Amino acid sequence: MVRPVSTACLAATLVGTLFATSPTPGLAQQAERKKGDGVLDVAVTVETIPGPPGMESADVAPFHPLYRSFERPPKLTELPAAQNYRGKATLFFALKVDETGKVVQAEVVDPPLRGIVPAATEIATHWVLDPARKDGKAVRTWAAYVLDLVIDLERPVFTSFSAVPIGKNDAIPVVLRESVGEEGLLRFPREPDDREPGVISIEDVDFLPGLKKTPWKLEPIRLKSRFSAILQVSPAGAVERIIPTGTSFEPFVLAWVRTLAARWKITPAFDGGTPQRAYMSLDFVAEYEIARAKESAKRLLKKNLKGPPAD
């Protein structure tokens, strides 16, 4: 969850996030960056999206902290093509398992793709596990089930795309921090939030539930995602960093965009006849098909995932 903060705090967080050394995201594999071997000075007309999500108007904002005045600002020289992508993703489930091992309720936690949540939860409600045990007895609990996937994103198309230099009077966006691997699960409380009598925290059971019948098959599905970010563009015109902004983001989409950005053609910023590092705002809507989501591994964790995580 992102909480509103003051303009000064937002600016400090934005600049601090951009310039701090950050670990490689667990779900977002960085693409190898390549320098452009040629720069085209042509105009590109792309459809913009009014009112990007998560852009907060500042109470007092003399200028955007990443704005710089250049003799020639950076410019995307051609509309990028949306290309197919195969990547890894992880689904974290909170499964309410009764004394017989039947899954009576399922929730997906921090989904890598929001669009697959309804289908994933429907599949999970048909699973059966060996029940958890406490003091030698089968007990009810919220089990933490982890499913590793290899996902094929196919037939993508950008229905709108905008990549422009950050302006002096642009609103300061909320910068979203990326959790690394399973470390992000530590945000969740020790006890389930429903406090239902007779339900034991998975962290207190003597024996975890056992994997019994958990078949996985996701049918192809057509999805749409909106994505906004700050691009850090090198003096060579390469995208060095992509920092997601807004109210939320989908880690799998971010990983896909990072592979695409390695091929984008951008004229670098120039000042005093010298190419400079610069920042751009990215905002797009993409439609695509999740053709396959193949299971590669599954496991259970002794960690409660039911309840509001700490910010």
Protein backbone atom coordinates (compact mmCIF):
# COMPACT_ATOMS: atom_id res chain seq x y z
CA MET A 1 0.00 0.00 0.00
CA VAL A 2 1.25 3.53 -0.84
CA ARG A 3 0.41 6.26 1.64
CA PRO A 4 0.21 9.95 0.68
CA VAL A 5 3.17 11.94 1.93
CA SER A 6 4.28 15.54 1.72
CA THR A 7 5.78 17.05 -1.43
CA ALA A 8 9.19 17.26 0.19
CA CYS A 9 9.06 13.61 1.25
CA LEU A 10 7.90 12.55 -2.20
CA ALA A 11 10.75 14.38 -3.88
CA ALA A 12 13.29 12.94 -1.45
CA THR A 13 11.90 9.43 -1.90
CA LEU A 14 11.89 9.78 -5.67
CA VAL A 15 15.47 11.00 -5.92
CA GLY A 16 16.67 8.58 -3.24
CA THR A 17 15.10 5.61 -5.00
CA LEU A 18 16.59 6.56 -8.34
CA PHE A 19 20.12 7.09 -7.14
CA ALA A 20 20.33 4.38 -4.47
CA THR A 21 21.88 1.06 -5.36
CA SER A 22 19.05 -1.47 -5.52
CA PRO A 23 19.16 -5.28 -5.70
CA THR A 24 17.99 -7.10 -8.79
CA PRO A 25 14.22 -7.73 -8.49
CA GLY A 26 13.26 -11.34 -7.91
CA LEU A 27 10.62 -11.44 -10.67
CA ALA A 28 12.07 -8.83 -12.98
CA GLN A 29 15.16 -10.04 -14.76
CA GLN A 30 17.16 -7.17 -16.17
CA ALA A 31 17.76 -7.37 -19.91
CA GLU A 32 21.26 -6.84 -21.22
CA ARG A 33 21.52 -3.22 -22.22
CA LYS A 34 22.84 -2.34 -25.64
CA LYS A 35 24.01 0.99 -26.95
CA GLY A 36 22.27 2.32 -30.03
CA ASP A 37 24.40 2.28 -33.15
CA GLY A 38 22.50 5.07 -34.83
CA VAL A 39 20.23 7.97 -33.95
CA LEU A 40 17.27 8.93 -36.07
CA ASP A 41 15.97 12.47 -35.76
CA VAL A 42 12.35 11.86 -36.66
CA ALA A 43 9.12 12.77 -34.94
CA VAL A 44 6.98 10.03 -33.47
CA THR A 45 3.26 10.50 -32.90
CA VAL A 46 1.82 8.21 -30.24
CA GLU A 47 -1.48 8.23 -28.39
CA THR A 48 -1.23 9.51 -24.85
CA ILE A 49 -3.40 8.45 -21.95
CA PRO A 50 -5.03 11.25 -19.94
CA GLY A 51 -4.55 11.17 -16.22
CA PRO A 52 -1.94 8.46 -15.48
CA PRO A 53 -2.78 6.60 -12.24
CA GLY A 54 -1.00 7.52 -9.04
CA MET A 55 0.13 10.97 -10.15
CA GLU A 56 -0.37 13.18 -7.13
CA SER A 57 -0.59 16.96 -7.49
CA ALA A 58 1.94 18.60 -5.24
CA ASP A 59 0.84 21.18 -2.67
CA VAL A 60 3.90 23.29 -3.40
CA ALA A 61 6.13 22.07 -6.22
CA PRO A 62 8.44 24.67 -7.79
CA PHE A 63 9.71 22.02 -10.23
CA HIS A 64 10.05 18.29 -10.67
CA PRO A 65 13.25 17.07 -8.91
CA LEU A 66 14.37 15.14 -12.01
CA TYR A 67 13.72 17.96 -14.49
CA ARG A 68 16.68 19.39 -16.38
CA SER A 69 16.77 21.99 -19.10
CA PHE A 70 18.62 20.72 -22.18
CA GLU A 71 19.51 22.29 -25.50
CA ARG A 72 17.97 19.16 -26.97
CA PRO A 73 15.92 16.90 -24.68
CA PRO A 74 15.80 13.10 -25.08
CA LYS A 75 13.32 11.78 -27.61
CA LEU A 76 11.91 8.39 -28.53
CA THR A 77 12.55 8.17 -32.26
CA GLU A 78 10.11 5.44 -33.21
CA LEU A 79 7.14 3.64 -31.70
CA PRO A 80 8.43 0.45 -30.03
CA ALA A 81 7.04 -2.88 -31.16
CA ALA A 82 5.44 -5.07 -28.51
CA GLN A 83 7.16 -8.45 -28.70
CA ASN A 84 6.40 -11.88 -27.29
CA TYR A 85 7.98 -12.73 -23.95
CA ARG A 86 8.66 -15.86 -21.93
CA GLY A 87 9.48 -15.28 -18.29
CA LYS A 88 9.32 -16.73 -14.81
CA ALA A 89 6.79 -15.72 -12.20
CA THR A 90 5.67 -16.94 -8.79
CA LEU A 91 2.14 -17.22 -7.44
CA PHE A 92 1.79 -17.01 -3.66
CA PHE A 93 -1.47 -18.44 -2.33
CA ALA A 94 -3.08 -18.15 1.09
CA LEU A 95 -5.15 -21.33 1.28
CA LYS A 96 -7.69 -21.96 4.02
CA VAL A 97 -7.42 -25.70 4.61
CA ASP A 98 -9.87 -27.57 6.87
CA GLU A 99 -9.27 -30.64 9.06
CA THR A 100 -9.78 -32.97 6.09
CA GLY A 101 -7.24 -31.13 3.91
CA LYS A 102 -9.84 -29.56 1.61
CA VAL A 103 -9.18 -26.01 0.40
CA VAL A 104 -12.28 -24.05 1.38
CA GLN A 105 -10.97 -20.59 0.43
CA ALA A 106 -8.08 -19.32 -1.69
CA GLU A 107 -6.45 -15.94 -2.17
CA VAL A 108 -3.54 -14.91 -4.40
CA VAL A 109 -1.03 -12.68 -2.63
CA ASP A 110 0.98 -10.00 -4.50
CA PRO A 111 0.10 -11.39 -7.96
CA PRO A 112 2.67 -10.96 -10.74
CA LEU A 113 -0.28 -10.49 -13.13
CA ARG A 114 -3.59 -9.25 -11.77
CA GLY A 115 -5.55 -10.64 -14.71
CA ILE A 116 -4.85 -14.28 -13.87
CA VAL A 117 -6.06 -14.00 -10.25
CA PRO A 118 -9.72 -15.05 -10.84
CA ALA A 119 -8.72 -18.16 -12.78
CA ALA A 120 -5.95 -19.05 -10.32
CA THR A 121 -8.20 -18.80 -7.27
CA GLU A 122 -10.88 -20.89 -9.00
CA ILE A 123 -8.32 -23.62 -9.71
CA ALA A 124 -7.04 -23.54 -6.11
CA THR A 125 -10.49 -24.04 -4.57
CA HIS A 126 -10.52 -27.57 -6.04
CA TRP A 127 -7.24 -28.61 -4.43
CA VAL A 128 -6.91 -31.13 -1.60
CA LEU A 129 -3.95 -31.30 0.79
CA ASP A 130 -3.05 -33.48 3.72
CA PRO A 131 -4.15 -31.38 6.72
CA ALA A 132 -1.78 -29.54 9.02
CA ARG A 133 -1.25 -31.05 12.47
CA LYS A 134 -0.94 -29.61 15.95
CA ASP A 135 -0.41 -31.79 19.05
CA GLY A 136 -1.08 -34.86 16.94
CA LYS A 137 -4.45 -33.64 15.65
CA ALA A 138 -5.52 -32.36 12.23
CA VAL A 139 -6.25 -28.62 12.43
CA ARG A 140 -7.60 -25.82 10.26
CA THR A 141 -5.07 -23.28 9.04
CA TRP A 142 -4.21 -20.76 6.32
CA ALA A 143 -1.47 -22.54 4.36
CA ALA A 144 1.10 -20.66 2.31
CA TYR A 145 1.37 -22.36 -1.08
CA VAL A 146 3.99 -21.25 -3.61
CA LEU A 147 3.69 -22.05 -7.32
CA ASP A 148 6.57 -21.26 -9.69
CA LEU A 149 5.54 -20.72 -13.30
CA VAL A 150 7.01 -20.22 -16.74
CA ILE A 151 4.66 -17.85 -18.55
CA ASP A 152 4.37 -17.20 -22.29
CA LEU A 153 3.09 -13.73 -23.18
CA GLU A 154 2.07 -13.69 -26.84
CA ARG A 155 0.45 -11.47 -29.49
CA PRO A 156 0.99 -8.23 -27.54
CA VAL A 157 0.03 -4.81 -28.87
CA PHE A 158 0.34 -1.32 -27.41
CA THR A 159 -3.06 0.37 -27.61
CA SER A 160 -1.50 3.60 -26.34
CA PHE A 161 2.10 4.58 -25.62
CA SER A 162 3.79 7.73 -24.33
CA ALA A 163 7.46 8.29 -23.48
CA VAL A 164 8.33 11.96 -23.00
CA PRO A 165 10.98 13.99 -21.14
CA ILE A 166 10.06 14.90 -17.58
CA GLY A 167 8.75 18.45 -17.56
CA LYS A 168 9.48 21.17 -15.06
CA ASN A 169 5.88 21.34 -13.83
CA ASP A 170 5.05 17.64 -14.02
CA ALA A 171 3.38 16.18 -10.95
CA ILE A 172 5.66 14.12 -8.74
CA PRO A 173 4.60 10.46 -8.98
CA VAL A 174 4.56 7.87 -6.25
CA VAL A 175 7.62 5.65 -6.71
CA LEU A 176 6.94 1.96 -6.06
CA ARG A 177 9.53 -0.19 -4.37
CA GLU A 178 10.14 -3.71 -5.64
CA SER A 179 10.28 -6.53 -3.11
CA VAL A 180 13.03 -9.08 -3.68
CA GLY A 181 12.01 -12.73 -3.92
CA GLU A 182 10.33 -14.19 -0.85
CA GLU A 183 11.67 -11.45 1.43
CA GLY A 184 8.51 -9.46 0.74
CA LEU A 185 6.50 -12.12 2.57
CA LEU A 186 7.97 -10.94 5.86
CA ARG A 187 5.55 -7.98 5.66
CA PHE A 188 2.66 -10.25 6.58
CA PRO A 189 1.54 -10.75 10.19
CA ARG A 190 2.11 -13.91 12.20
CA GLU A 191 -1.62 -14.52 12.72
CA PRO A 192 -4.44 -14.58 10.12
CA ASP A 193 -6.53 -11.43 10.18
CA ASP A 194 -9.92 -13.17 10.44
CA ARG A 195 -9.23 -14.55 13.96
CA GLU A 196 -11.68 -17.37 13.36
CA PRO A 197 -11.97 -19.68 16.39
CA GLY A 198 -10.25 -22.99 15.83
CA VAL A 199 -8.03 -21.77 12.98
CA ILE A 200 -4.35 -22.19 13.91
CA SER A 201 -1.66 -19.97 12.43
CA ILE A 202 0.46 -21.91 9.96
CA GLU A 203 3.45 -20.61 11.90
CA ASP A 204 2.28 -22.50 15.02
CA VAL A 205 1.49 -25.92 13.58
CA ASP A 206 3.75 -28.91 14.28
CA PHE A 207 3.48 -30.31 10.76
CA LEU A 208 2.73 -28.40 7.56
CA PRO A 209 -0.01 -29.62 5.24
CA GLY A 210 1.17 -32.12 2.65
CA LEU A 211 0.82 -31.69 -1.10
CA LYS A 212 -1.76 -34.21 -2.28
CA LYS A 213 -3.99 -33.13 -5.20
CA THR A 214 -3.01 -29.70 -6.54
CA PRO A 215 -3.38 -29.91 -10.34
CA TRP A 216 -2.60 -26.73 -12.27
CA LYS A 217 -3.84 -25.81 -15.73
CA LEU A 218 -4.47 -22.24 -16.78
CA GLU A 219 -6.41 -21.81 -19.99
CA PRO A 220 -5.21 -19.12 -22.46
CA ILE A 221 -6.54 -15.71 -21.52
CA ARG A 222 -6.48 -12.25 -23.14
CA LEU A 223 -5.46 -9.48 -20.74
CA LYS A 224 -4.85 -5.74 -20.63
CA SER A 225 -2.33 -3.93 -18.45
CA ARG A 226 -1.53 -0.30 -17.83
CA PHE A 227 2.01 0.60 -16.81
CA SER A 228 3.72 3.84 -15.78
CA ALA A 229 7.35 4.41 -14.86
CA ILE A 230 10.33 6.74 -14.89
CA LEU A 231 13.02 5.92 -17.47
CA GLN A 232 16.65 6.75 -16.78
CA VAL A 233 18.27 7.31 -20.19
CA SER A 234 22.05 7.15 -20.56
CA PRO A 235 24.18 9.61 -22.58
CA ALA A 236 24.29 6.86 -25.24
CA GLY A 237 20.49 6.81 -25.50
CA ALA A 238 20.03 3.47 -23.74
CA VAL A 239 17.43 2.87 -21.02
CA GLU A 240 19.51 2.28 -17.91
CA ARG A 241 16.73 1.92 -15.36
CA ILE A 242 12.96 1.55 -15.24
CA ILE A 243 11.37 2.67 -11.96
CA PRO A 244 7.66 1.79 -11.68
CA THR A 245 5.30 4.53 -10.50
CA GLY A 246 1.61 4.86 -9.70
CA THR A 247 -0.56 3.01 -7.19
CA SER A 248 0.54 -0.52 -8.08
CA PHE A 249 2.36 -2.49 -10.75
CA GLU A 250 2.55 -6.03 -12.10
CA PRO A 251 6.04 -7.53 -11.68
CA PHE A 252 5.70 -9.78 -14.74
CA VAL A 253 4.79 -6.79 -16.92
CA LEU A 254 7.77 -4.87 -15.52
CA ALA A 255 10.07 -7.78 -16.40
CA TRP A 256 8.64 -7.81 -19.94
CA VAL A 257 9.10 -4.05 -20.35
CA ARG A 258 12.73 -4.29 -19.24
CA THR A 259 13.46 -6.71 -22.08
CA LEU A 260 11.64 -4.48 -24.58
CA ALA A 261 13.45 -1.32 -23.46
CA ALA A 262 16.83 -2.77 -24.43
CA ARG A 263 15.75 -2.31 -28.08
CA TRP A 264 14.17 1.12 -27.86
CA LYS A 265 15.75 3.86 -29.98
CA ILE A 266 16.11 7.10 -28.05
CA THR A 267 17.98 10.25 -29.06
CA PRO A 268 19.97 11.19 -25.93
CA ALA A 269 19.74 14.60 -24.33
CA PHE A 270 22.36 17.15 -25.38
CA ASP A 271 23.68 20.15 -23.51
CA GLY A 272 26.73 22.17 -24.57
CA GLY A 273 27.15 19.77 -27.47
CA THR A 274 27.64 16.84 -25.08
CA PRO A 275 25.21 13.95 -24.55
CA GLN A 276 23.74 13.87 -21.05
CA ARG A 277 21.87 11.49 -18.77
CA ALA A 278 18.17 12.34 -18.60
CA TYR A 279 14.80 11.12 -17.32
CA MET A 280 11.57 10.41 -19.16
CA SER A 281 8.02 9.52 -18.12
CA LEU A 282 6.63 6.30 -19.56
CA ASP A 283 2.95 5.43 -19.69
CA PHE A 284 1.25 2.80 -21.84
CA VAL A 285 -1.61 0.34 -22.15
CA ALA A 286 -0.89 -3.09 -23.62
CA GLU A 287 -3.14 -5.97 -24.61
CA TYR A 288 -1.70 -9.47 -24.79
CA GLU A 289 -2.47 -13.15 -24.40
CA ILE A 290 -1.15 -15.41 -21.68
CA ALA A 291 -0.90 -18.46 -23.90
CA ARG A 292 0.68 -20.77 -21.34
CA ALA A 293 1.55 -20.70 -17.66
CA LYS A 294 3.44 -23.93 -17.04
CA GLU A 295 4.16 -25.16 -13.53
CA SER A 296 7.89 -25.59 -12.82
CA ALA A 297 7.85 -26.12 -9.03
CA LYS A 298 5.58 -25.95 -5.99
CA ARG A 299 6.09 -25.90 -2.24
CA LEU A 300 4.59 -24.92 1.12
CA LEU A 301 5.98 -22.32 3.50
CA LYS A 302 5.62 -21.98 7.25
CA LYS A 303 4.62 -18.33 6.90
CA ASN A 304 1.19 -16.77 7.29
CA LEU A 305 0.09 -14.80 4.22
CA LYS A 306 -3.45 -13.97 5.31
CA GLY A 307 -3.88 -10.42 6.54
CA PRO A 308 -2.84 -6.87 5.70
CA PRO A 309 0.93 -6.59 5.17
CA ALA A 310 2.97 -3.92 6.90
CA ASP A 311 3.78 -0.91 4.67
